[in-house]
mmCIF file of all heavy atoms, coordinates in Angstrom:
data_MODEL
# 
_entry.id   MODEL 
# 
loop_
_atom_site.group_PDB 
_atom_site.id 
_atom_site.type_symbol 
_atom_site.label_atom_id 
_atom_site.label_alt_id 
_atom_site.label_comp_id 
_atom_site.label_asym_id 
_atom_site.label_entity_id 
_atom_site.label_seq_id 
_atom_site.pdbx_PDB_ins_code 
_atom_site.Cartn_x 
_atom_site.Cartn_y 
_atom_site.Cartn_z 
_atom_site.occupancy 
_atom_site.B_iso_or_equiv 
_atom_site.pdbx_formal_charge 
_atom_site.auth_seq_id 
_atom_site.auth_comp_id 
_atom_site.auth_asym_id 
_atom_site.auth_atom_id 
_atom_site.pdbx_PDB_model_num 
ATOM 1   N N   . THR A 1 1  ? 0.362  4.350   22.220 1.00 0.00 ? 1  THR A N   1 
ATOM 2   C CA  . THR A 1 1  ? 0.077  4.826   23.579 1.00 0.00 ? 1  THR A CA  1 
ATOM 3   C C   . THR A 1 1  ? -0.551 6.183   23.468 1.00 0.00 ? 1  THR A C   1 
ATOM 4   O O   . THR A 1 1  ? -0.695 6.758   22.356 1.00 0.00 ? 1  THR A O   1 
ATOM 5   C CB  . THR A 1 1  ? 1.379  4.891   24.410 1.00 0.00 ? 1  THR A CB  1 
ATOM 6   O OG1 . THR A 1 1  ? 2.280  5.846   23.829 1.00 0.00 ? 1  THR A OG1 1 
ATOM 7   C CG2 . THR A 1 1  ? 2.072  3.529   24.505 1.00 0.00 ? 1  THR A CG2 1 
ATOM 8   N N   . THR A 1 2  ? -0.937 6.750   24.610 1.00 0.00 ? 2  THR A N   1 
ATOM 9   C CA  . THR A 1 2  ? -1.583 8.056   24.597 1.00 0.00 ? 2  THR A CA  1 
ATOM 10  C C   . THR A 1 2  ? -0.756 9.048   25.414 1.00 0.00 ? 2  THR A C   1 
ATOM 11  O O   . THR A 1 2  ? -0.406 8.778   26.571 1.00 0.00 ? 2  THR A O   1 
ATOM 12  C CB  . THR A 1 2  ? -2.993 7.952   25.218 1.00 0.00 ? 2  THR A CB  1 
ATOM 13  O OG1 . THR A 1 2  ? -3.737 6.943   24.518 1.00 0.00 ? 2  THR A OG1 1 
ATOM 14  C CG2 . THR A 1 2  ? -3.744 9.258   25.144 1.00 0.00 ? 2  THR A CG2 1 
ATOM 15  N N   . ARG A 1 3  ? -0.474 10.218  24.803 1.00 0.00 ? 3  ARG A N   1 
ATOM 16  C CA  . ARG A 1 3  ? 0.282  11.279  25.487 1.00 0.00 ? 3  ARG A CA  1 
ATOM 17  C C   . ARG A 1 3  ? -0.635 11.890  26.561 1.00 0.00 ? 3  ARG A C   1 
ATOM 18  O O   . ARG A 1 3  ? -1.844 11.779  26.480 1.00 0.00 ? 3  ARG A O   1 
ATOM 19  C CB  . ARG A 1 3  ? 0.697  12.335  24.465 1.00 0.00 ? 3  ARG A CB  1 
ATOM 20  C CG  . ARG A 1 3  ? 1.610  11.809  23.429 1.00 0.00 ? 3  ARG A CG  1 
ATOM 21  C CD  . ARG A 1 3  ? 1.827  12.865  22.341 1.00 0.00 ? 3  ARG A CD  1 
ATOM 22  N NE  . ARG A 1 3  ? 2.307  12.222  21.129 1.00 0.00 ? 3  ARG A NE  1 
ATOM 23  C CZ  . ARG A 1 3  ? 3.364  12.650  20.433 1.00 0.00 ? 3  ARG A CZ  1 
ATOM 24  N NH1 . ARG A 1 3  ? 4.012  13.718  20.826 1.00 0.00 ? 3  ARG A NH1 1 
ATOM 25  N NH2 . ARG A 1 3  ? 3.734  12.026  19.344 1.00 0.00 ? 3  ARG A NH2 1 
ATOM 26  N N   . PRO A 1 4  ? -0.048 12.608  27.527 1.00 0.00 ? 4  PRO A N   1 
ATOM 27  C CA  . PRO A 1 4  ? -0.863 13.220  28.610 1.00 0.00 ? 4  PRO A CA  1 
ATOM 28  C C   . PRO A 1 4  ? -1.976 14.102  28.109 1.00 0.00 ? 4  PRO A C   1 
ATOM 29  O O   . PRO A 1 4  ? -3.065 14.155  28.688 1.00 0.00 ? 4  PRO A O   1 
ATOM 30  C CB  . PRO A 1 4  ? 0.164  13.986  29.421 1.00 0.00 ? 4  PRO A CB  1 
ATOM 31  C CG  . PRO A 1 4  ? 1.461  13.299  29.166 1.00 0.00 ? 4  PRO A CG  1 
ATOM 32  C CD  . PRO A 1 4  ? 1.392  12.802  27.742 1.00 0.00 ? 4  PRO A CD  1 
ATOM 33  N N   . GLU A 1 5  ? -1.771 14.834  27.001 1.00 0.00 ? 5  GLU A N   1 
ATOM 34  C CA  . GLU A 1 5  ? -2.832 15.734  26.489 1.00 0.00 ? 5  GLU A CA  1 
ATOM 35  C C   . GLU A 1 5  ? -3.821 15.000  25.595 1.00 0.00 ? 5  GLU A C   1 
ATOM 36  O O   . GLU A 1 5  ? -4.729 15.597  25.061 1.00 0.00 ? 5  GLU A O   1 
ATOM 37  C CB  . GLU A 1 5  ? -2.196 16.928  25.759 1.00 0.00 ? 5  GLU A CB  1 
ATOM 38  C CG  . GLU A 1 5  ? -1.543 16.614  24.458 1.00 0.00 ? 5  GLU A CG  1 
ATOM 39  C CD  . GLU A 1 5  ? -0.119 16.028  24.545 1.00 0.00 ? 5  GLU A CD  1 
ATOM 40  O OE1 . GLU A 1 5  ? 0.375  15.797  25.657 1.00 0.00 ? 5  GLU A OE1 1 
ATOM 41  O OE2 . GLU A 1 5  ? 0.490  15.796  23.499 1.00 0.00 ? 5  GLU A OE2 1 
ATOM 42  N N   . GLY A 1 6  ? -3.649 13.660  25.453 1.00 0.00 ? 6  GLY A N   1 
ATOM 43  C CA  . GLY A 1 6  ? -4.632 12.878  24.701 1.00 0.00 ? 6  GLY A CA  1 
ATOM 44  C C   . GLY A 1 6  ? -4.246 12.535  23.268 1.00 0.00 ? 6  GLY A C   1 
ATOM 45  O O   . GLY A 1 6  ? -4.918 11.773  22.608 1.00 0.00 ? 6  GLY A O   1 
ATOM 46  N N   . ARG A 1 7  ? -3.156 13.083  22.771 1.00 0.00 ? 7  ARG A N   1 
ATOM 47  C CA  . ARG A 1 7  ? -2.736 12.778  21.413 1.00 0.00 ? 7  ARG A CA  1 
ATOM 48  C C   . ARG A 1 7  ? -2.121 11.386  21.351 1.00 0.00 ? 7  ARG A C   1 
ATOM 49  O O   . ARG A 1 7  ? -1.453 10.937  22.298 1.00 0.00 ? 7  ARG A O   1 
ATOM 50  C CB  . ARG A 1 7  ? -1.712 13.800  20.894 1.00 0.00 ? 7  ARG A CB  1 
ATOM 51  C CG  . ARG A 1 7  ? -2.321 15.154  20.667 1.00 0.00 ? 7  ARG A CG  1 
ATOM 52  C CD  . ARG A 1 7  ? -1.361 16.140  20.017 1.00 0.00 ? 7  ARG A CD  1 
ATOM 53  N NE  . ARG A 1 7  ? -0.110 16.282  20.767 1.00 0.00 ? 7  ARG A NE  1 
ATOM 54  C CZ  . ARG A 1 7  ? 1.119  16.132  20.249 1.00 0.00 ? 7  ARG A CZ  1 
ATOM 55  N NH1 . ARG A 1 7  ? 1.286  15.939  18.967 1.00 0.00 ? 7  ARG A NH1 1 
ATOM 56  N NH2 . ARG A 1 7  ? 2.178  16.291  21.029 1.00 0.00 ? 7  ARG A NH2 1 
ATOM 57  N N   . PRO A 1 8  ? -2.287 10.683  20.241 1.00 0.00 ? 8  PRO A N   1 
ATOM 58  C CA  . PRO A 1 8  ? -1.721 9.339   20.115 1.00 0.00 ? 8  PRO A CA  1 
ATOM 59  C C   . PRO A 1 8  ? -0.206 9.400   19.871 1.00 0.00 ? 8  PRO A C   1 
ATOM 60  O O   . PRO A 1 8  ? 0.319  10.390  19.369 1.00 0.00 ? 8  PRO A O   1 
ATOM 61  C CB  . PRO A 1 8  ? -2.425 8.733   18.882 1.00 0.00 ? 8  PRO A CB  1 
ATOM 62  C CG  . PRO A 1 8  ? -2.810 9.937   18.085 1.00 0.00 ? 8  PRO A CG  1 
ATOM 63  C CD  . PRO A 1 8  ? -3.100 11.048  19.051 1.00 0.00 ? 8  PRO A CD  1 
ATOM 64  N N   . HIS A 1 9  ? 0.443  8.328   20.236 1.00 0.00 ? 9  HIS A N   1 
ATOM 65  C CA  . HIS A 1 9  ? 1.889  8.165   19.977 1.00 0.00 ? 9  HIS A CA  1 
ATOM 66  C C   . HIS A 1 9  ? 2.084  6.720   19.519 1.00 0.00 ? 9  HIS A C   1 
ATOM 67  O O   . HIS A 1 9  ? 1.735  5.769   20.220 1.00 0.00 ? 9  HIS A O   1 
ATOM 68  C CB  . HIS A 1 9  ? 2.676  8.392   21.268 1.00 0.00 ? 9  HIS A CB  1 
ATOM 69  C CG  . HIS A 1 9  ? 4.133  8.121   21.129 1.00 0.00 ? 9  HIS A CG  1 
ATOM 70  N ND1 . HIS A 1 9  ? 4.699  6.920   21.490 1.00 0.00 ? 9  HIS A ND1 1 
ATOM 71  C CD2 . HIS A 1 9  ? 5.156  8.878   20.647 1.00 0.00 ? 9  HIS A CD2 1 
ATOM 72  C CE1 . HIS A 1 9  ? 6.011  6.984   21.256 1.00 0.00 ? 9  HIS A CE1 1 
ATOM 73  N NE2 . HIS A 1 9  ? 6.304  8.154   20.730 1.00 0.00 ? 9  HIS A NE2 1 
ATOM 74  N N   . THR A 1 10 ? 2.583  6.538   18.292 1.00 0.00 ? 10 THR A N   1 
ATOM 75  C CA  . THR A 1 10 ? 2.810  5.195   17.770 1.00 0.00 ? 10 THR A CA  1 
ATOM 76  C C   . THR A 1 10 ? 4.278  5.077   17.353 1.00 0.00 ? 10 THR A C   1 
ATOM 77  O O   . THR A 1 10 ? 4.860  6.018   16.840 1.00 0.00 ? 10 THR A O   1 
ATOM 78  C CB  . THR A 1 10 ? 1.917  4.879   16.553 1.00 0.00 ? 10 THR A CB  1 
ATOM 79  O OG1 . THR A 1 10 ? 2.135  5.850   15.541 1.00 0.00 ? 10 THR A OG1 1 
ATOM 80  C CG2 . THR A 1 10 ? 0.438  4.911   16.956 1.00 0.00 ? 10 THR A CG2 1 
ATOM 81  N N   . ARG A 1 11 ? 4.836  3.875   17.540 1.00 0.00 ? 11 ARG A N   1 
ATOM 82  C CA  . ARG A 1 11 ? 6.217  3.613   17.163 1.00 0.00 ? 11 ARG A CA  1 
ATOM 83  C C   . ARG A 1 11 ? 6.382  2.126   16.916 1.00 0.00 ? 11 ARG A C   1 
ATOM 84  O O   . ARG A 1 11 ? 5.760  1.298   17.554 1.00 0.00 ? 11 ARG A O   1 
ATOM 85  C CB  . ARG A 1 11 ? 7.184  3.984   18.301 1.00 0.00 ? 11 ARG A CB  1 
ATOM 86  C CG  . ARG A 1 11 ? 7.319  5.450   18.605 1.00 0.00 ? 11 ARG A CG  1 
ATOM 87  C CD  . ARG A 1 11 ? 7.981  6.169   17.401 1.00 0.00 ? 11 ARG A CD  1 
ATOM 88  N NE  . ARG A 1 11 ? 8.131  7.576   17.673 1.00 0.00 ? 11 ARG A NE  1 
ATOM 89  C CZ  . ARG A 1 11 ? 7.224  8.499   17.419 1.00 0.00 ? 11 ARG A CZ  1 
ATOM 90  N NH1 . ARG A 1 11 ? 6.081  8.179   16.907 1.00 0.00 ? 11 ARG A NH1 1 
ATOM 91  N NH2 . ARG A 1 11 ? 7.492  9.790   17.654 1.00 0.00 ? 11 ARG A NH2 1 
ATOM 92  N N   . PRO A 1 12 ? 7.320  1.816   15.987 1.00 0.00 ? 12 PRO A N   1 
ATOM 93  C CA  . PRO A 1 12 ? 7.696  0.385   15.862 1.00 0.00 ? 12 PRO A CA  1 
ATOM 94  C C   . PRO A 1 12 ? 8.686  0.026   16.954 1.00 0.00 ? 12 PRO A C   1 
ATOM 95  O O   . PRO A 1 12 ? 9.495  0.858   17.364 1.00 0.00 ? 12 PRO A O   1 
ATOM 96  C CB  . PRO A 1 12 ? 8.384  0.356   14.478 1.00 0.00 ? 12 PRO A CB  1 
ATOM 97  C CG  . PRO A 1 12 ? 8.892  1.730   14.270 1.00 0.00 ? 12 PRO A CG  1 
ATOM 98  C CD  . PRO A 1 12 ? 7.958  2.661   14.993 1.00 0.00 ? 12 PRO A CD  1 
ATOM 99  N N   . VAL A 1 13 ? 8.574  -1.196  17.444 1.00 0.00 ? 13 VAL A N   1 
ATOM 100 C CA  . VAL A 1 13 ? 9.501  -1.695  18.467 1.00 0.00 ? 13 VAL A CA  1 
ATOM 101 C C   . VAL A 1 13 ? 9.863  -3.141  18.158 1.00 0.00 ? 13 VAL A C   1 
ATOM 102 O O   . VAL A 1 13 ? 9.124  -3.824  17.439 1.00 0.00 ? 13 VAL A O   1 
ATOM 103 C CB  . VAL A 1 13 ? 8.916  -1.600  19.893 1.00 0.00 ? 13 VAL A CB  1 
ATOM 104 C CG1 . VAL A 1 13 ? 8.663  -0.158  20.316 1.00 0.00 ? 13 VAL A CG1 1 
ATOM 105 C CG2 . VAL A 1 13 ? 7.664  -2.456  20.057 1.00 0.00 ? 13 VAL A CG2 1 
ATOM 106 N N   . TRP A 1 14 ? 10.925 -3.605  18.737 1.00 0.00 ? 14 TRP A N   1 
ATOM 107 C CA  . TRP A 1 14 ? 11.250 -5.014  18.765 1.00 0.00 ? 14 TRP A CA  1 
ATOM 108 C C   . TRP A 1 14 ? 10.679 -5.569  20.078 1.00 0.00 ? 14 TRP A C   1 
ATOM 109 O O   . TRP A 1 14 ? 10.616 -4.850  21.098 1.00 0.00 ? 14 TRP A O   1 
ATOM 110 C CB  . TRP A 1 14 ? 12.741 -5.269  18.749 1.00 0.00 ? 14 TRP A CB  1 
ATOM 111 C CG  . TRP A 1 14 ? 13.408 -5.072  17.441 1.00 0.00 ? 14 TRP A CG  1 
ATOM 112 C CD1 . TRP A 1 14 ? 12.807 -4.819  16.225 1.00 0.00 ? 14 TRP A CD1 1 
ATOM 113 C CD2 . TRP A 1 14 ? 14.793 -5.151  17.175 1.00 0.00 ? 14 TRP A CD2 1 
ATOM 114 N NE1 . TRP A 1 14 ? 13.742 -4.717  15.245 1.00 0.00 ? 14 TRP A NE1 1 
ATOM 115 C CE2 . TRP A 1 14 ? 14.980 -4.923  15.792 1.00 0.00 ? 14 TRP A CE2 1 
ATOM 116 C CE3 . TRP A 1 14 ? 15.895 -5.360  17.958 1.00 0.00 ? 14 TRP A CE3 1 
ATOM 117 C CZ2 . TRP A 1 14 ? 16.232 -4.926  15.211 1.00 0.00 ? 14 TRP A CZ2 1 
ATOM 118 C CZ3 . TRP A 1 14 ? 17.147 -5.369  17.388 1.00 0.00 ? 14 TRP A CZ3 1 
ATOM 119 C CH2 . TRP A 1 14 ? 17.336 -5.151  16.015 1.00 0.00 ? 14 TRP A CH2 1 
ATOM 120 N N   . GLY A 1 15 ? 10.280 -6.811  20.071 1.00 0.00 ? 15 GLY A N   1 
ATOM 121 C CA  . GLY A 1 15 ? 9.751  -7.406  21.290 1.00 0.00 ? 15 GLY A CA  1 
ATOM 122 C C   . GLY A 1 15 ? 9.634  -8.900  21.128 1.00 0.00 ? 15 GLY A C   1 
ATOM 123 O O   . GLY A 1 15 ? 9.948  -9.474  20.080 1.00 0.00 ? 15 GLY A O   1 
ATOM 124 N N   . VAL A 1 16 ? 9.162  -9.529  22.166 1.00 0.00 ? 16 VAL A N   1 
ATOM 125 C CA  . VAL A 1 16 ? 8.955  -10.984 22.155 1.00 0.00 ? 16 VAL A CA  1 
ATOM 126 C C   . VAL A 1 16 ? 7.616  -11.325 22.784 1.00 0.00 ? 16 VAL A C   1 
ATOM 127 O O   . VAL A 1 16 ? 7.171  -10.699 23.757 1.00 0.00 ? 16 VAL A O   1 
ATOM 128 C CB  . VAL A 1 16 ? 10.080 -11.751 22.894 1.00 0.00 ? 16 VAL A CB  1 
ATOM 129 C CG1 . VAL A 1 16 ? 11.407 -11.607 22.150 1.00 0.00 ? 16 VAL A CG1 1 
ATOM 130 C CG2 . VAL A 1 16 ? 10.248 -11.316 24.312 1.00 0.00 ? 16 VAL A CG2 1 
ATOM 131 N N   . TRP A 1 17 ? 6.959  -12.315 22.199 1.00 0.00 ? 17 TRP A N   1 
ATOM 132 C CA  . TRP A 1 17 ? 5.710  -12.841 22.754 1.00 0.00 ? 17 TRP A CA  1 
ATOM 133 C C   . TRP A 1 17 ? 6.065  -14.073 23.536 1.00 0.00 ? 17 TRP A C   1 
ATOM 134 O O   . TRP A 1 17 ? 6.620  -15.036 22.999 1.00 0.00 ? 17 TRP A O   1 
ATOM 135 C CB  . TRP A 1 17 ? 4.747  -13.198 21.614 1.00 0.00 ? 17 TRP A CB  1 
ATOM 136 C CG  . TRP A 1 17 ? 3.428  -13.703 22.125 1.00 0.00 ? 17 TRP A CG  1 
ATOM 137 C CD1 . TRP A 1 17 ? 3.067  -15.019 22.233 1.00 0.00 ? 17 TRP A CD1 1 
ATOM 138 C CD2 . TRP A 1 17 ? 2.353  -12.916 22.586 1.00 0.00 ? 17 TRP A CD2 1 
ATOM 139 N NE1 . TRP A 1 17 ? 1.802  -15.081 22.789 1.00 0.00 ? 17 TRP A NE1 1 
ATOM 140 C CE2 . TRP A 1 17 ? 1.337  -13.822 23.006 1.00 0.00 ? 17 TRP A CE2 1 
ATOM 141 C CE3 . TRP A 1 17 ? 2.109  -11.571 22.732 1.00 0.00 ? 17 TRP A CE3 1 
ATOM 142 C CZ2 . TRP A 1 17 ? 0.123  -13.398 23.526 1.00 0.00 ? 17 TRP A CZ2 1 
ATOM 143 C CZ3 . TRP A 1 17 ? 0.902  -11.158 23.245 1.00 0.00 ? 17 TRP A CZ3 1 
ATOM 144 C CH2 . TRP A 1 17 ? -0.072 -12.064 23.631 1.00 0.00 ? 17 TRP A CH2 1 
ATOM 145 N N   . LEU A 1 18 ? 5.784  -14.046 24.864 1.00 0.00 ? 18 LEU A N   1 
ATOM 146 C CA  . LEU A 1 18 ? 6.053  -15.165 25.742 1.00 0.00 ? 18 LEU A CA  1 
ATOM 147 C C   . LEU A 1 18 ? 4.708  -15.659 26.324 1.00 0.00 ? 18 LEU A C   1 
ATOM 148 O O   . LEU A 1 18 ? 3.677  -15.068 26.051 1.00 0.00 ? 18 LEU A O   1 
ATOM 149 C CB  . LEU A 1 18 ? 7.027  -14.752 26.859 1.00 0.00 ? 18 LEU A CB  1 
ATOM 150 C CG  . LEU A 1 18 ? 8.417  -14.305 26.365 1.00 0.00 ? 18 LEU A CG  1 
ATOM 151 C CD1 . LEU A 1 18 ? 9.234  -13.824 27.544 1.00 0.00 ? 18 LEU A CD1 1 
ATOM 152 C CD2 . LEU A 1 18 ? 9.123  -15.438 25.650 1.00 0.00 ? 18 LEU A CD2 1 
ATOM 153 N N   . ALA A 1 19 ? 4.749  -16.682 27.137 1.00 0.00 ? 19 ALA A N   1 
ATOM 154 C CA  . ALA A 1 19 ? 3.532  -17.284 27.674 1.00 0.00 ? 19 ALA A CA  1 
ATOM 155 C C   . ALA A 1 19 ? 2.701  -16.307 28.475 1.00 0.00 ? 19 ALA A C   1 
ATOM 156 O O   . ALA A 1 19 ? 1.471  -16.471 28.580 1.00 0.00 ? 19 ALA A O   1 
ATOM 157 C CB  . ALA A 1 19 ? 3.899  -18.496 28.533 1.00 0.00 ? 19 ALA A CB  1 
ATOM 158 N N   . ASP A 1 20 ? 3.313  -15.247 29.028 1.00 0.00 ? 20 ASP A N   1 
ATOM 159 C CA  . ASP A 1 20 ? 2.586  -14.311 29.881 1.00 0.00 ? 20 ASP A CA  1 
ATOM 160 C C   . ASP A 1 20 ? 2.222  -13.022 29.163 1.00 0.00 ? 20 ASP A C   1 
ATOM 161 O O   . ASP A 1 20 ? 1.627  -12.131 29.739 1.00 0.00 ? 20 ASP A O   1 
ATOM 162 C CB  . ASP A 1 20 ? 3.306  -14.039 31.160 1.00 0.00 ? 20 ASP A CB  1 
ATOM 163 C CG  . ASP A 1 20 ? 4.754  -13.536 30.935 1.00 0.00 ? 20 ASP A CG  1 
ATOM 164 O OD1 . ASP A 1 20 ? 5.240  -13.572 29.797 1.00 0.00 ? 20 ASP A OD1 1 
ATOM 165 O OD2 . ASP A 1 20 ? 5.386  -13.162 31.942 1.00 0.00 ? 20 ASP A OD2 1 
ATOM 166 N N   . GLY A 1 21 ? 2.574  -12.890 27.865 1.00 0.00 ? 21 GLY A N   1 
ATOM 167 C CA  . GLY A 1 21 ? 2.190  -11.675 27.102 1.00 0.00 ? 21 GLY A CA  1 
ATOM 168 C C   . GLY A 1 21 ? 3.327  -11.150 26.253 1.00 0.00 ? 21 GLY A C   1 
ATOM 169 O O   . GLY A 1 21 ? 4.304  -11.856 25.992 1.00 0.00 ? 21 GLY A O   1 
ATOM 170 N N   . PHE A 1 22 ? 3.195  -9.894  25.837 1.00 0.00 ? 22 PHE A N   1 
ATOM 171 C CA  . PHE A 1 22 ? 4.157  -9.244  24.955 1.00 0.00 ? 22 PHE A CA  1 
ATOM 172 C C   . PHE A 1 22 ? 5.138  -8.416  25.768 1.00 0.00 ? 22 PHE A C   1 
ATOM 173 O O   . PHE A 1 22 ? 4.737  -7.533  26.537 1.00 0.00 ? 22 PHE A O   1 
ATOM 174 C CB  . PHE A 1 22 ? 3.435  -8.362  23.938 1.00 0.00 ? 22 PHE A CB  1 
ATOM 175 C CG  . PHE A 1 22 ? 4.342  -7.589  23.051 1.00 0.00 ? 22 PHE A CG  1 
ATOM 176 C CD1 . PHE A 1 22 ? 5.100  -8.256  22.088 1.00 0.00 ? 22 PHE A CD1 1 
ATOM 177 C CD2 . PHE A 1 22 ? 4.453  -6.208  23.125 1.00 0.00 ? 22 PHE A CD2 1 
ATOM 178 C CE1 . PHE A 1 22 ? 5.979  -7.550  21.273 1.00 0.00 ? 22 PHE A CE1 1 
ATOM 179 C CE2 . PHE A 1 22 ? 5.304  -5.511  22.340 1.00 0.00 ? 22 PHE A CE2 1 
ATOM 180 C CZ  . PHE A 1 22 ? 6.081  -6.169  21.394 1.00 0.00 ? 22 PHE A CZ  1 
ATOM 181 N N   . TRP A 1 23 ? 6.417  -8.629  25.578 1.00 0.00 ? 23 TRP A N   1 
ATOM 182 C CA  . TRP A 1 23 ? 7.497  -7.941  26.256 1.00 0.00 ? 23 TRP A CA  1 
ATOM 183 C C   . TRP A 1 23 ? 8.230  -7.058  25.293 1.00 0.00 ? 23 TRP A C   1 
ATOM 184 O O   . TRP A 1 23 ? 8.557  -7.460  24.171 1.00 0.00 ? 23 TRP A O   1 
ATOM 185 C CB  . TRP A 1 23 ? 8.486  -8.943  26.843 1.00 0.00 ? 23 TRP A CB  1 
ATOM 186 C CG  . TRP A 1 23 ? 8.003  -9.726  28.003 1.00 0.00 ? 23 TRP A CG  1 
ATOM 187 C CD1 . TRP A 1 23 ? 7.203  -10.841 27.972 1.00 0.00 ? 23 TRP A CD1 1 
ATOM 188 C CD2 . TRP A 1 23 ? 8.306  -9.489  29.366 1.00 0.00 ? 23 TRP A CD2 1 
ATOM 189 N NE1 . TRP A 1 23 ? 6.989  -11.293 29.255 1.00 0.00 ? 23 TRP A NE1 1 
ATOM 190 C CE2 . TRP A 1 23 ? 7.677  -10.507 30.122 1.00 0.00 ? 23 TRP A CE2 1 
ATOM 191 C CE3 . TRP A 1 23 ? 9.083  -8.532  30.007 1.00 0.00 ? 23 TRP A CE3 1 
ATOM 192 C CZ2 . TRP A 1 23 ? 7.761  -10.564 31.500 1.00 0.00 ? 23 TRP A CZ2 1 
ATOM 193 C CZ3 . TRP A 1 23 ? 9.180  -8.602  31.399 1.00 0.00 ? 23 TRP A CZ3 1 
ATOM 194 C CH2 . TRP A 1 23 ? 8.523  -9.620  32.123 1.00 0.00 ? 23 TRP A CH2 1 
ATOM 195 N N   . PHE A 1 24 ? 8.556  -5.814  25.716 1.00 0.00 ? 24 PHE A N   1 
ATOM 196 C CA  . PHE A 1 24 ? 9.337  -4.929  24.851 1.00 0.00 ? 24 PHE A CA  1 
ATOM 197 C C   . PHE A 1 24 ? 10.013 -3.868  25.724 1.00 0.00 ? 24 PHE A C   1 
ATOM 198 O O   . PHE A 1 24 ? 9.724  -3.715  26.918 1.00 0.00 ? 24 PHE A O   1 
ATOM 199 C CB  . PHE A 1 24 ? 8.473  -4.244  23.794 1.00 0.00 ? 24 PHE A CB  1 
ATOM 200 C CG  . PHE A 1 24 ? 7.546  -3.183  24.330 1.00 0.00 ? 24 PHE A CG  1 
ATOM 201 C CD1 . PHE A 1 24 ? 7.873  -1.840  24.225 1.00 0.00 ? 24 PHE A CD1 1 
ATOM 202 C CD2 . PHE A 1 24 ? 6.353  -3.511  24.966 1.00 0.00 ? 24 PHE A CD2 1 
ATOM 203 C CE1 . PHE A 1 24 ? 7.036  -0.851  24.715 1.00 0.00 ? 24 PHE A CE1 1 
ATOM 204 C CE2 . PHE A 1 24 ? 5.516  -2.523  25.467 1.00 0.00 ? 24 PHE A CE2 1 
ATOM 205 C CZ  . PHE A 1 24 ? 5.841  -1.211  25.334 1.00 0.00 ? 24 PHE A CZ  1 
ATOM 206 N N   . SER A 1 25 ? 10.933 -3.155  25.125 1.00 0.00 ? 25 SER A N   1 
ATOM 207 C CA  . SER A 1 25 ? 11.578 -1.997  25.735 1.00 0.00 ? 25 SER A CA  1 
ATOM 208 C C   . SER A 1 25 ? 11.640 -0.935  24.700 1.00 0.00 ? 25 SER A C   1 
ATOM 209 O O   . SER A 1 25 ? 11.717 -1.197  23.498 1.00 0.00 ? 25 SER A O   1 
ATOM 210 C CB  . SER A 1 25 ? 12.983 -2.385  26.216 1.00 0.00 ? 25 SER A CB  1 
ATOM 211 O OG  . SER A 1 25 ? 13.595 -1.265  26.840 1.00 0.00 ? 25 SER A OG  1 
ATOM 212 N N   . THR A 1 26 ? 11.606 0.328   25.147 1.00 0.00 ? 26 THR A N   1 
ATOM 213 C CA  . THR A 1 26 ? 11.633 1.446   24.204 1.00 0.00 ? 26 THR A CA  1 
ATOM 214 C C   . THR A 1 26 ? 12.209 2.686   24.863 1.00 0.00 ? 26 THR A C   1 
ATOM 215 O O   . THR A 1 26 ? 12.067 2.883   26.078 1.00 0.00 ? 26 THR A O   1 
ATOM 216 C CB  . THR A 1 26 ? 10.227 1.785   23.663 1.00 0.00 ? 26 THR A CB  1 
ATOM 217 O OG1 . THR A 1 26 ? 10.327 2.834   22.678 1.00 0.00 ? 26 THR A OG1 1 
ATOM 218 C CG2 . THR A 1 26 ? 9.255  2.185   24.747 1.00 0.00 ? 26 THR A CG2 1 
ATOM 219 N N   . GLY A 1 27 ? 12.876 3.498   24.040 1.00 0.00 ? 27 GLY A N   1 
ATOM 220 C CA  . GLY A 1 27 ? 13.350 4.772   24.497 1.00 0.00 ? 27 GLY A CA  1 
ATOM 221 C C   . GLY A 1 27 ? 12.453 5.907   24.007 1.00 0.00 ? 27 GLY A C   1 
ATOM 222 O O   . GLY A 1 27 ? 12.683 7.065   24.232 1.00 0.00 ? 27 GLY A O   1 
ATOM 223 N N   . SER A 1 28 ? 11.332 5.559   23.349 1.00 0.00 ? 28 SER A N   1 
ATOM 224 C CA  . SER A 1 28 ? 10.431 6.567   22.774 1.00 0.00 ? 28 SER A CA  1 
ATOM 225 C C   . SER A 1 28 ? 9.573  7.189   23.872 1.00 0.00 ? 28 SER A C   1 
ATOM 226 O O   . SER A 1 28 ? 9.667  6.830   25.040 1.00 0.00 ? 28 SER A O   1 
ATOM 227 C CB  . SER A 1 28 ? 9.530  5.911   21.732 1.00 0.00 ? 28 SER A CB  1 
ATOM 228 O OG  . SER A 1 28 ? 8.497  5.140   22.338 1.00 0.00 ? 28 SER A OG  1 
# 
């Protein structure tokens, strides 16, 4: 994702791929 000042933010997450797309939750 992109922080407000434009710097990137990357993190590993758990998630699931369903018929409508990729679902996840994060506290990052």
